[in-house]
Amino acid sequence: MLTKALDLDARQQAELQGIFADQREAVRKIWNDRSLLPAERVPATRAAEDRTADQIRSILNDVQKKKYNPPKPPPAPDARPPDVSAWMDATSKK
């Protein structure tokens, strides 16, 4: 699918296969790691996906990068985690 959408050449296709193989292995390790709590696995998997996207972008030319999904913007410096207590209060009043 990416080969068609991005018009990848043979070298890029081979590199992409390696990138995806590495991602599969990283995700397998995350989900088989008994030392990780279930809640820790999802962020670790997302981090692996972000690394994969960065690796893919690194093999693309400028035209292909414009077609590929852009990198996620960094979080705002003043971003705070959601206030769960406020949500719970709001839903309990219903």
PDB file of N, CA and C in Angstrom:
ATOM      1  N   MET A   1       0.826  -1.182   0.000  1.00  0.00           N
ATOM      2  CA  MET A   1       0.000   0.000   0.000  1.00  0.00           C
ATOM      3  C   MET A   1       0.880   1.259   0.000  1.00  0.00           C
ATOM      4  N   LEU A   2       1.884   1.299   0.888  1.00  0.00           N
ATOM      5  CA  LEU A   2       2.776   2.457   0.920  1.00  0.00           C
ATOM      6  C   LEU A   2       3.604   2.552  -0.357  1.00  0.00           C
ATOM      7  N   THR A   3       3.968   1.406  -0.917  1.00  0.00           N
ATOM      8  CA  THR A   3       4.757   1.402  -2.144  1.00  0.00           C
ATOM      9  C   THR A   3       4.030   2.164  -3.242  1.00  0.00           C
ATOM     10  N   LYS A   4       2.737   1.898  -3.393  1.00  0.00           N
ATOM     11  CA  LYS A   4       1.945   2.578  -4.412  1.00  0.00           C
ATOM     12  C   LYS A   4       1.719   4.039  -4.055  1.00  0.00           C
ATOM     13  N   ALA A   5       1.297   4.276  -2.825  1.00  0.00           N
ATOM     14  CA  ALA A   5       0.938   5.634  -2.411  1.00  0.00           C
ATOM     15  C   ALA A   5       2.121   6.590  -2.475  1.00  0.00           C
ATOM     16  N   LEU A   6       3.323   6.076  -2.162  1.00  0.00           N
ATOM     17  CA  LEU A   6       4.494   6.945  -2.091  1.00  0.00           C
ATOM     18  C   LEU A   6       5.439   6.768  -3.278  1.00  0.00           C
ATOM     19  N   ASP A   7       5.105   5.847  -4.183  1.00  0.00           N
ATOM     20  CA  ASP A   7       5.945   5.559  -5.341  1.00  0.00           C
ATOM     21  C   ASP A   7       7.376   5.223  -4.901  1.00  0.00           C
ATOM     22  N   LEU A   8       7.481   4.194  -4.048  1.00  0.00           N
ATOM     23  CA  LEU A   8       8.789   3.792  -3.513  1.00  0.00           C
ATOM     24  C   LEU A   8       9.586   3.027  -4.559  1.00  0.00           C
ATOM     25  N   ASP A   9      10.889   3.251  -4.560  1.00  0.00           N
ATOM     26  CA  ASP A   9      11.754   2.481  -5.447  1.00  0.00           C
ATOM     27  C   ASP A   9      12.117   1.160  -4.752  1.00  0.00           C
ATOM     28  N   ALA A  10      12.858   0.311  -5.454  1.00  0.00           N
ATOM     29  CA  ALA A  10      13.187  -1.024  -4.933  1.00  0.00           C
ATOM     30  C   ALA A  10      13.983  -0.943  -3.632  1.00  0.00           C
ATOM     31  N   ARG A  11      14.939  -0.009  -3.552  1.00  0.00           N
ATOM     32  CA  ARG A  11      15.748   0.138  -2.335  1.00  0.00           C
ATOM     33  C   ARG A  11      14.871   0.547  -1.155  1.00  0.00           C
ATOM     34  N   GLN A  12      13.982   1.495  -1.388  1.00  0.00           N
ATOM     35  CA  GLN A  12      13.087   1.943  -0.316  1.00  0.00           C
ATOM     36  C   GLN A  12      12.153   0.826   0.128  1.00  0.00           C
ATOM     37  N   GLN A  13      11.672   0.028  -0.816  1.00  0.00           N
ATOM     38  CA  GLN A  13      10.797  -1.092  -0.477  1.00  0.00           C
ATOM     39  C   GLN A  13      11.517  -2.086   0.420  1.00  0.00           C
ATOM     40  N   ALA A  14      12.762  -2.385   0.093  1.00  0.00           N
ATOM     41  CA  ALA A  14      13.535  -3.324   0.909  1.00  0.00           C
ATOM     42  C   ALA A  14      13.768  -2.756   2.303  1.00  0.00           C
ATOM     43  N   GLU A  15      14.101  -1.472   2.389  1.00  0.00           N
ATOM     44  CA  GLU A  15      14.305  -0.847   3.696  1.00  0.00           C
ATOM     45  C   GLU A  15      13.007  -0.827   4.500  1.00  0.00           C
ATOM     46  N   LEU A  16      11.896  -0.567   3.819  1.00  0.00           N
ATOM     47  CA  LEU A  16      10.596  -0.534   4.488  1.00  0.00           C
ATOM     48  C   LEU A  16      10.252  -1.897   5.080  1.00  0.00           C
ATOM     49  N   GLN A  17      10.555  -2.961   4.352  1.00  0.00           N
ATOM     50  CA  GLN A  17      10.299  -4.305   4.874  1.00  0.00           C
ATOM     51  C   GLN A  17      11.094  -4.547   6.152  1.00  0.00           C
ATOM     52  N   GLY A  18      12.347  -4.112   6.169  1.00  0.00           N
ATOM     53  CA  GLY A  18      13.168  -4.251   7.365  1.00  0.00           C
ATOM     54  C   GLY A  18      12.643  -3.429   8.531  1.00  0.00           C
ATOM     55  N   ILE A  19      12.178  -2.222   8.237  1.00  0.00           N
ATOM     56  CA  ILE A  19      11.620  -1.350   9.278  1.00  0.00           C
ATOM     57  C   ILE A  19      10.394  -2.015   9.903  1.00  0.00           C
ATOM     58  N   PHE A  20       9.517  -2.550   9.053  1.00  0.00           N
ATOM     59  CA  PHE A  20       8.310  -3.200   9.585  1.00  0.00           C
ATOM     60  C   PHE A  20       8.641  -4.482  10.342  1.00  0.00           C
ATOM     61  N   ALA A  21       9.647  -5.209   9.902  1.00  0.00           N
ATOM     62  CA  ALA A  21      10.069  -6.413  10.632  1.00  0.00           C
ATOM     63  C   ALA A  21      10.587  -6.029  12.016  1.00  0.00           C
ATOM     64  N   ASP A  22      11.362  -4.960  12.088  1.00  0.00           N
ATOM     65  CA  ASP A  22      11.862  -4.476  13.382  1.00  0.00           C
ATOM     66  C   ASP A  22      10.717  -4.044  14.285  1.00  0.00           C
ATOM     67  N   GLN A  23       9.718  -3.382  13.698  1.00  0.00           N
ATOM     68  CA  GLN A  23       8.568  -2.945  14.496  1.00  0.00           C
ATOM     69  C   GLN A  23       7.806  -4.152  15.050  1.00  0.00           C
ATOM     70  N   ARG A  24       7.568  -5.142  14.217  1.00  0.00           N
ATOM     71  CA  ARG A  24       6.858  -6.342  14.681  1.00  0.00           C
ATOM     72  C   ARG A  24       7.594  -6.984  15.849  1.00  0.00           C
ATOM     73  N   GLU A  25       8.917  -7.075  15.734  1.00  0.00           N
ATOM     74  CA  GLU A  25       9.712  -7.681  16.800  1.00  0.00           C
ATOM     75  C   GLU A  25       9.647  -6.839  18.073  1.00  0.00           C
ATOM     76  N   ALA A  26       9.731  -5.533  17.944  1.00  0.00           N
ATOM     77  CA  ALA A  26       9.666  -4.650  19.116  1.00  0.00           C
ATOM     78  C   ALA A  26       8.314  -4.779  19.818  1.00  0.00           C
ATOM     79  N   VAL A  27       7.241  -4.801  19.045  1.00  0.00           N
ATOM     80  CA  VAL A  27       5.898  -4.919  19.632  1.00  0.00           C
ATOM     81  C   VAL A  27       5.718  -6.288  20.274  1.00  0.00           C
ATOM     82  N   ARG A  28       6.247  -7.332  19.627  1.00  0.00           N
ATOM     83  CA  ARG A  28       6.160  -8.681  20.212  1.00  0.00           C
ATOM     84  C   ARG A  28       6.860  -8.707  21.565  1.00  0.00           C
ATOM     85  N   LYS A  29       8.040  -8.107  21.635  1.00  0.00           N
ATOM     86  CA  LYS A  29       8.780  -8.075  22.899  1.00  0.00           C
ATOM     87  C   LYS A  29       8.011  -7.311  23.971  1.00  0.00           C
ATOM     88  N   ILE A  30       7.420  -6.203  23.593  1.00  0.00           N
ATOM     89  CA  ILE A  30       6.652  -5.401  24.558  1.00  0.00           C
ATOM     90  C   ILE A  30       5.518  -6.227  25.138  1.00  0.00           C
ATOM     91  N   TRP A  31       4.750  -6.879  24.281  1.00  0.00           N
ATOM     92  CA  TRP A  31       3.567  -7.599  24.755  1.00  0.00           C
ATOM     93  C   TRP A  31       3.897  -8.924  25.435  1.00  0.00           C
ATOM     94  N   ASN A  32       5.104  -9.425  25.243  1.00  0.00           N
ATOM     95  CA  ASN A  32       5.515 -10.650  25.932  1.00  0.00           C
ATOM     96  C   ASN A  32       6.340 -10.372  27.183  1.00  0.00           C
ATOM     97  N   ASP A  33       6.621  -9.109  27.452  1.00  0.00           N
ATOM     98  CA  ASP A  33       7.430  -8.724  28.618  1.00  0.00           C
ATOM     99  C   ASP A  33       6.557  -8.749  29.872  1.00  0.00           C
ATOM    100  N   ARG A  34       6.746  -9.761  30.686  1.00  0.00           N
ATOM    101  CA  ARG A  34       5.941  -9.936  31.903  1.00  0.00           C
ATOM    102  C   ARG A  34       6.239  -8.860  32.962  1.00  0.00           C
ATOM    103  N   SER A  35       7.370  -8.156  32.828  1.00  0.00           N
ATOM    104  CA  SER A  35       7.705  -7.124  33.806  1.00  0.00           C
ATOM    105  C   SER A  35       6.913  -5.835  33.568  1.00  0.00           C
ATOM    106  N   LEU A  36       6.300  -5.706  32.382  1.00  0.00           N
ATOM    107  CA  LEU A  36       5.489  -4.523  32.087  1.00  0.00           C
ATOM    108  C   LEU A  36       4.051  -4.739  32.534  1.00  0.00           C
ATOM    109  N   LEU A  37       3.489  -3.726  33.151  1.00  0.00           N
ATOM    110  CA  LEU A  37       2.069  -3.758  33.494  1.00  0.00           C
ATOM    111  C   LEU A  37       1.260  -3.572  32.217  1.00  0.00           C
ATOM    112  N   PRO A  38       0.046  -4.095  32.167  1.00  0.00           N
ATOM    113  CA  PRO A  38      -0.770  -3.904  30.960  1.00  0.00           C
ATOM    114  C   PRO A  38      -0.904  -2.429  30.564  1.00  0.00           C
ATOM    115  N   ALA A  39      -1.015  -1.549  31.527  1.00  0.00           N
ATOM    116  CA  ALA A  39      -1.153  -0.125  31.235  1.00  0.00           C
ATOM    117  C   ALA A  39       0.126   0.475  30.656  1.00  0.00           C
ATOM    118  N   GLU A  40       1.249  -0.185  30.845  1.00  0.00           N
ATOM    119  CA  GLU A  40       2.519   0.298  30.308  1.00  0.00           C
ATOM    120  C   GLU A  40       2.752  -0.174  28.868  1.00  0.00           C
ATOM    121  N   ARG A  41       2.042  -1.195  28.471  1.00  0.00           N
ATOM    122  CA  ARG A  41       2.269  -1.766  27.142  1.00  0.00           C
ATOM    123  C   ARG A  41       1.768  -0.868  26.017  1.00  0.00           C
ATOM    124  N   VAL A  42       0.632  -0.229  26.231  1.00  0.00           N
ATOM    125  CA  VAL A  42       0.077   0.626  25.177  1.00  0.00           C
ATOM    126  C   VAL A  42       1.003   1.808  24.882  1.00  0.00           C
ATOM    127  N   PRO A  43       1.460   2.567  25.890  1.00  0.00           N
ATOM    128  CA  PRO A  43       2.387   3.659  25.568  1.00  0.00           C
ATOM    129  C   PRO A  43       3.697   3.160  24.947  1.00  0.00           C
ATOM    130  N   ALA A  44       4.171   2.011  25.383  1.00  0.00           N
ATOM    131  CA  ALA A  44       5.397   1.457  24.813  1.00  0.00           C
ATOM    132  C   ALA A  44       5.177   1.082  23.342  1.00  0.00           C
ATOM    133  N   THR A  45       4.006   0.550  23.035  1.00  0.00           N
ATOM    134  CA  THR A  45       3.672   0.207  21.652  1.00  0.00           C
ATOM    135  C   THR A  45       3.567   1.471  20.805  1.00  0.00           C
ATOM    136  N   ARG A  46       2.950   2.507  21.352  1.00  0.00           N
ATOM    137  CA  ARG A  46       2.852   3.778  20.616  1.00  0.00           C
ATOM    138  C   ARG A  46       4.239   4.356  20.347  1.00  0.00           C
ATOM    139  N   ALA A  47       5.122   4.241  21.320  1.00  0.00           N
ATOM    140  CA  ALA A  47       6.486   4.736  21.132  1.00  0.00           C
ATOM    141  C   ALA A  47       7.177   3.964  20.005  1.00  0.00           C
ATOM    142  N   ALA A  48       6.943   2.667  19.939  1.00  0.00           N
ATOM    143  CA  ALA A  48       7.517   1.857  18.856  1.00  0.00           C
ATOM    144  C   ALA A  48       6.942   2.292  17.508  1.00  0.00           C
ATOM    145  N   GLU A  49       5.652   2.597  17.474  1.00  0.00           N
ATOM    146  CA  GLU A  49       5.024   3.074  16.241  1.00  0.00           C
ATOM    147  C   GLU A  49       5.603   4.423  15.819  1.00  0.00           C
ATOM    148  N   ASP A  50       5.836   5.304  16.786  1.00  0.00           N
ATOM    149  CA  ASP A  50       6.434   6.607  16.477  1.00  0.00           C
ATOM    150  C   ASP A  50       7.843   6.440  15.918  1.00  0.00           C
ATOM    151  N   ARG A  51       8.629   5.534  16.517  1.00  0.00           N
ATOM    152  CA  ARG A  51       9.981   5.272  16.007  1.00  0.00           C
ATOM    153  C   ARG A  51       9.919   4.737  14.573  1.00  0.00           C
ATOM    154  N   THR A  52       8.950   3.858  14.322  1.00  0.00           N
ATOM    155  CA  THR A  52       8.781   3.302  12.982  1.00  0.00           C
ATOM    156  C   THR A  52       8.466   4.410  11.983  1.00  0.00           C
ATOM    157  N   ALA A  53       7.546   5.295  12.340  1.00  0.00           N
ATOM    158  CA  ALA A  53       7.187   6.403  11.449  1.00  0.00           C
ATOM    159  C   ALA A  53       8.397   7.288  11.174  1.00  0.00           C
ATOM    160  N   ASP A  54       9.205   7.547  12.197  1.00  0.00           N
ATOM    161  CA  ASP A  54      10.419   8.351  12.009  1.00  0.00           C
ATOM    162  C   ASP A  54      11.397   7.651  11.071  1.00  0.00           C
ATOM    163  N   GLN A  55      11.537   6.330  11.227  1.00  0.00           N
ATOM    164  CA  GLN A  55      12.435   5.571  10.356  1.00  0.00           C
ATOM    165  C   GLN A  55      11.939   5.597   8.911  1.00  0.00           C
ATOM    166  N   ILE A  56      10.630   5.481   8.742  1.00  0.00           N
ATOM    167  CA  ILE A  56      10.065   5.528   7.390  1.00  0.00           C
ATOM    168  C   ILE A  56      10.330   6.890   6.763  1.00  0.00           C
ATOM    169  N   ARG A  57      10.076   7.951   7.521  1.00  0.00           N
ATOM    170  CA  ARG A  57      10.331   9.291   6.996  1.00  0.00           C
ATOM    171  C   ARG A  57      11.801   9.454   6.582  1.00  0.00           C
ATOM    172  N   SER A  58      12.702   8.794   7.308  1.00  0.00           N
ATOM    173  CA  SER A  58      14.130   8.946   7.018  1.00  0.00           C
ATOM    174  C   SER A  58      14.542   8.343   5.675  1.00  0.00           C
ATOM    175  N   ILE A  59      13.742   7.441   5.128  1.00  0.00           N
ATOM    176  CA  ILE A  59      14.099   6.836   3.842  1.00  0.00           C
ATOM    177  C   ILE A  59      13.376   7.493   2.666  1.00  0.00           C
ATOM    178  N   LEU A  60      12.508   8.453   2.956  1.00  0.00           N
ATOM    179  CA  LEU A  60      11.717   9.092   1.907  1.00  0.00           C
ATOM    180  C   LEU A  60      12.386  10.358   1.394  1.00  0.00           C
ATOM    181  N   ASN A  61      12.095  10.681   0.131  1.00  0.00           N
ATOM    182  CA  ASN A  61      12.547  11.971  -0.401  1.00  0.00           C
ATOM    183  C   ASN A  61      11.512  13.037  -0.011  1.00  0.00           C
ATOM    184  N   ASP A  62      11.795  14.274  -0.348  1.00  0.00           N
ATOM    185  CA  ASP A  62      10.935  15.382   0.091  1.00  0.00           C
ATOM    186  C   ASP A  62       9.507  15.270  -0.448  1.00  0.00           C
ATOM    187  N   VAL A  63       9.353  14.851  -1.680  1.00  0.00           N
ATOM    188  CA  VAL A  63       8.016  14.704  -2.272  1.00  0.00           C
ATOM    189  C   VAL A  63       7.247  13.605  -1.550  1.00  0.00           C
ATOM    190  N   GLN A  64       7.903  12.491  -1.276  1.00  0.00           N
ATOM    191  CA  GLN A  64       7.255  11.370  -0.587  1.00  0.00           C
ATOM    192  C   GLN A  64       6.890  11.751   0.842  1.00  0.00           C
ATOM    193  N   LYS A  65       7.745  12.510   1.508  1.00  0.00           N
ATOM    194  CA  LYS A  65       7.459  12.935   2.885  1.00  0.00           C
ATOM    195  C   LYS A  65       6.187  13.757   2.967  1.00  0.00           C
ATOM    196  N   LYS A  66       5.919  14.549   1.929  1.00  0.00           N
ATOM    197  CA  LYS A  66       4.696  15.364   1.925  1.00  0.00           C
ATOM    198  C   LYS A  66       3.454  14.480   1.827  1.00  0.00           C
ATOM    199  N   LYS A  67       3.575  13.335   1.180  1.00  0.00           N
ATOM    200  CA  LYS A  67       2.449  12.407   1.036  1.00  0.00           C
ATOM    201  C   LYS A  67       2.263  11.544   2.279  1.00  0.00           C
ATOM    202  N   TYR A  68       3.362  11.298   2.997  1.00  0.00           N
ATOM    203  CA  TYR A  68       3.322  10.434   4.182  1.00  0.00           C
ATOM    204  C   TYR A  68       2.770  11.210   5.364  1.00  0.00           C
ATOM    205  N   ASN A  69       2.246  10.501   6.336  1.00  0.00           N
ATOM    206  CA  ASN A  69       1.674  11.183   7.491  1.00  0.00           C
ATOM    207  C   ASN A  69       2.734  12.028   8.197  1.00  0.00           C
ATOM    208  N   PRO A  70       2.386  13.258   8.540  1.00  0.00           N
ATOM    209  CA  PRO A  70       3.371  14.148   9.165  1.00  0.00           C
ATOM    210  C   PRO A  70       3.686  13.715  10.589  1.00  0.00           C
ATOM    211  N   PRO A  71       4.858  14.132  11.111  1.00  0.00           N
ATOM    212  CA  PRO A  71       5.177  13.790  12.500  1.00  0.00           C
ATOM    213  C   PRO A  71       4.214  14.472  13.458  1.00  0.00           C
ATOM    214  N   LYS A  72       4.023  13.851  14.604  1.00  0.00           N
ATOM    215  CA  LYS A  72       3.152  14.436  15.620  1.00  0.00           C
ATOM    216  C   LYS A  72       3.836  15.660  16.217  1.00  0.00           C
ATOM    217  N   PRO A  73       3.059  16.709  16.452  1.00  0.00           N
ATOM    218  CA  PRO A  73       3.669  17.883  17.066  1.00  0.00           C
ATOM    219  C   PRO A  73       4.050  17.580  18.509  1.00  0.00           C
ATOM    220  N   PRO A  74       5.085  18.256  19.009  1.00  0.00           N
ATOM    221  CA  PRO A  74       5.457  18.018  20.415  1.00  0.00           C
ATOM    222  C   PRO A  74       4.349  18.535  21.330  1.00  0.00           C
ATOM    223  N   PRO A  75       4.218  17.953  22.518  1.00  0.00           N
ATOM    224  CA  PRO A  75       3.173  18.412  23.429  1.00  0.00           C
ATOM    225  C   PRO A  75       3.434  19.851  23.856  1.00  0.00           C
ATOM    226  N   ALA A  76       2.364  20.562  24.116  1.00  0.00           N
ATOM    227  CA  ALA A  76       2.481  21.940  24.580  1.00  0.00           C
ATOM    228  C   ALA A  76       3.191  21.953  25.931  1.00  0.00           C
ATOM    229  N   PRO A  77       4.053  22.941  26.163  1.00  0.00           N
ATOM    230  CA  PRO A  77       4.817  22.952  27.414  1.00  0.00           C
ATOM    231  C   PRO A  77       3.938  23.057  28.658  1.00  0.00           C
ATOM    232  N   ASP A  78       2.773  23.664  28.520  1.00  0.00           N
ATOM    233  CA  ASP A  78       1.904  23.810  29.690  1.00  0.00           C
ATOM    234  C   ASP A  78       0.790  22.763  29.724  1.00  0.00           C
ATOM    235  N   ALA A  79       0.918  21.723  28.902  1.00  0.00           N
ATOM    236  CA  ALA A  79      -0.105  20.676  28.861  1.00  0.00           C
ATOM    237  C   ALA A  79      -0.134  19.923  30.177  1.00  0.00           C
ATOM    238  N   ARG A  80      -1.316  19.802  30.704  1.00  0.00           N
ATOM    239  CA  ARG A  80      -1.500  19.079  31.968  1.00  0.00           C
ATOM    240  C   ARG A  80      -2.317  17.825  31.693  1.00  0.00           C
ATOM    241  N   PRO A  81      -2.121  16.790  32.503  1.00  0.00           N
ATOM    242  CA  PRO A  81      -2.945  15.593  32.314  1.00  0.00           C
ATOM    243  C   PRO A  81      -4.403  15.925  32.606  1.00  0.00           C
ATOM    244  N   PRO A  82      -5.317  15.197  31.991  1.00  0.00           N
ATOM    245  CA  PRO A  82      -6.734  15.463  32.228  1.00  0.00           C
ATOM    246  C   PRO A  82      -7.092  15.284  33.699  1.00  0.00           C
ATOM    247  N   ASP A  83      -8.041  16.076  34.153  1.00  0.00           N
ATOM    248  CA  ASP A  83      -8.500  16.027  35.538  1.00  0.00           C
ATOM    249  C   ASP A  83      -9.627  15.004  35.641  1.00  0.00           C
ATOM    250  N   VAL A  84      -9.289  13.828  36.087  1.00  0.00           N
ATOM    251  CA  VAL A  84     -10.263  12.738  36.168  1.00  0.00           C
ATOM    252  C   VAL A  84     -11.347  13.048  37.191  1.00  0.00           C
ATOM    253  N   SER A  85     -10.993  13.686  38.286  1.00  0.00           N
ATOM    254  CA  SER A  85     -11.993  13.990  39.317  1.00  0.00           C
ATOM    255  C   SER A  85     -13.067  14.922  38.777  1.00  0.00           C
ATOM    256  N   ALA A  86     -12.697  15.888  37.938  1.00  0.00           N
ATOM    257  CA  ALA A  86     -13.696  16.785  37.354  1.00  0.00           C
ATOM    258  C   ALA A  86     -14.636  16.012  36.441  1.00  0.00           C
ATOM    259  N   TRP A  87     -14.087  15.080  35.663  1.00  0.00           N
ATOM    260  CA  TRP A  87     -14.927  14.263  34.781  1.00  0.00           C
ATOM    261  C   TRP A  87     -15.870  13.400  35.623  1.00  0.00           C
ATOM    262  N   MET A  88     -15.359  12.809  36.698  1.00  0.00           N
ATOM    263  CA  MET A  88     -16.194  11.950  37.536  1.00  0.00           C
ATOM    264  C   MET A  88     -17.308  12.762  38.189  1.00  0.00           C
ATOM    265  N   ASP A  89     -16.998  13.973  38.657  1.00  0.00           N
ATOM    266  CA  ASP A  89     -18.025  14.834  39.240  1.00  0.00           C
ATOM    267  C   ASP A  89     -19.092  15.181  38.215  1.00  0.00           C
ATOM    268  N   ALA A  90     -18.676  15.505  36.998  1.00  0.00           N
ATOM    269  CA  ALA A  90     -19.615  15.873  35.949  1.00  0.00           C
ATOM    270  C   ALA A  90     -20.516  14.721  35.571  1.00  0.00           C
ATOM    271  N   THR A  91     -19.984  13.499  35.520  1.00  0.00           N
ATOM    272  CA  THR A  91     -20.809  12.361  35.114  1.00  0.00           C
ATOM    273  C   THR A  91     -21.692  11.875  36.254  1.00  0.00           C
ATOM    274  N   SER A  92     -21.284  12.093  37.474  1.00  0.00           N
ATOM    275  CA  SER A  92     -22.111  11.628  38.598  1.00  0.00           C
ATOM    276  C   SER A  92     -23.301  12.546  38.842  1.00  0.00           C
ATOM    277  N   LYS A  93     -23.271  13.780  38.336  1.00  0.00           N
ATOM    278  CA  LYS A  93     -24.376  14.738  38.519  1.00  0.00           C
ATOM    279  C   LYS A  93     -25.514  14.456  37.560  1.00  0.00           C
ATOM    280  N   LYS A  94     -25.291  13.602  36.584  1.00  0.00           N
ATOM    281  CA  LYS A  94     -26.333  13.315  35.578  1.00  0.00           C
ATOM    282  C   LYS A  94     -27.375  12.396  36.127  1.00  0.00           C
TER     283      LYS A  94
END
